[in-house]
């Protein structure tokens, strides 16, 4: 579904991404790991169109999307959550997701039509799928940190993605929230046929969830392989896992 080929991106003299390669098959859960500053978030920004590469290719279903703007990439089936939860804190949980659904259905410009009756069934279905239906009338800003991250996933699902990109989905969560969130991500992938690409610092989460792991260091791809092969790779051990 997604292929990144020899991708490069510099900011002045700093090479943030310096030869990244990545392959994501349809239906896979793929993790990107690496030390702080390895280029993971920049890579995600390039894939989703927030940045454009200096060189290299990003292929989505064999189409080069390297120069496309974010809204076009979103329309092609790529949705993303960020390191810091992006929700509308003063809107209800329901309205947060409804806005996303209306945007996907291109109904967000219906200025003279009440939004209250639009996309209600679709919004409720998404909220049920992530376990937030019983809190749908709560103000989003009142949610716990873990539930805000789940709401952000629900907002991303409103775009009907084929590929869901999650930037540190469990950052700042308690162990219980982490377990709940990763179980949800795995269930969504299985039940809805989603392809999921995520980066994460929690190695227990990574090796317990991902079917394939790509390791970055200084903007480069060291290796992409199945978890056990990554765990045993000497370069990875030295560069990222502390040589253990």
Foldseek 3Di string as FASTA:
>chain_A
DKWWAQFWAADVPATQAGGATDDFDFLFEEEEEEDPSLNPVVVVCQQQAVDATPDTFMADVRHTCRHPHNVVSLLVFEFEAEPAQDFDQQQFLLVRQLCLLCVLVVNNPVVPDDSPPPCNVVSLVLCVLLVNNVRRRPRLNPDDRLVSLSSSVSNRCSSVHQEYEYEASCPPHDPVSLVSVLVSVQVCSVPVSHGYYYYHDPVVSNLVRGQKYWYGGSNHTPDIGGSVVLVPDQVCLVRPVVVD
